[in-house]
Amino acid sequence: MSKSTVLALVGSLRADSHNRKLAEAIQLNAPEGVEIVIHESLGNIPFYNEDIDVEGQVPAAATALREAAGQADALLLVTPEHNGTMPASLKNAIDWLSRPFGAGALAGKPTAVVGTAFGQFGGVWAQDEARKAVGIAGARVLEDAKLAVPGSMVRFAETHPKDDAEVVEQIKELFGALAAVEPAGAAA
């Protein structure tokens, strides 16, 4: 059995981010044969600018992101909700991964979007915006692979998501939806 790699992009840059912790819980609960790799440098990538997206000038952090996404079998976007939408860091990553147009690292890449937020709906607006943006950018959005955890500020004030039985069960359901998906490039 071959191992599949899922690259997780966490939209929150905060060190003690609940979404970072959710990504860690997903990583810890990955089934055998699935490796979740959390990308570490979204905060180091400059805003997308076509003037610097030319050979010899692409920032190292953007190149590293593109390489990691290109090597992954699937992507997992983990997003908080900032003013009803996804944070700029995540949108910027999508922009870098969408280029060159039609042939970027997102082209046909199976992509799921999950997250947690303070509000009662768990950041579904941000998740919907992320699905829209990543789909337009060329990814194959996995509409059935969803996880929205509400009330993050209270729920995870003293508990890591990995220790929340309900969240762990939802993570297992998420992997059930992901298991039904062929990795990028598998279908011909």
Foldseek 3Di string as FASTA:
>chain_A
DAAAEEEEEELDLDPPDLLVLLLVLLQVLDDPRYHYHYDNPLVPADADDVVQPDPPRHDPSLVVLQVVLLPGQAYEYEAEADPLAGHPSLLRNLVSQLPPPCDGSQAAFEYEYEYAYQAPFQSVSHRVRSQVSSVVSHHDYLPQQYYGHYRSCVVPVPPRLNPDVVSSVSSVVNVVSVVVDGTGPPPD
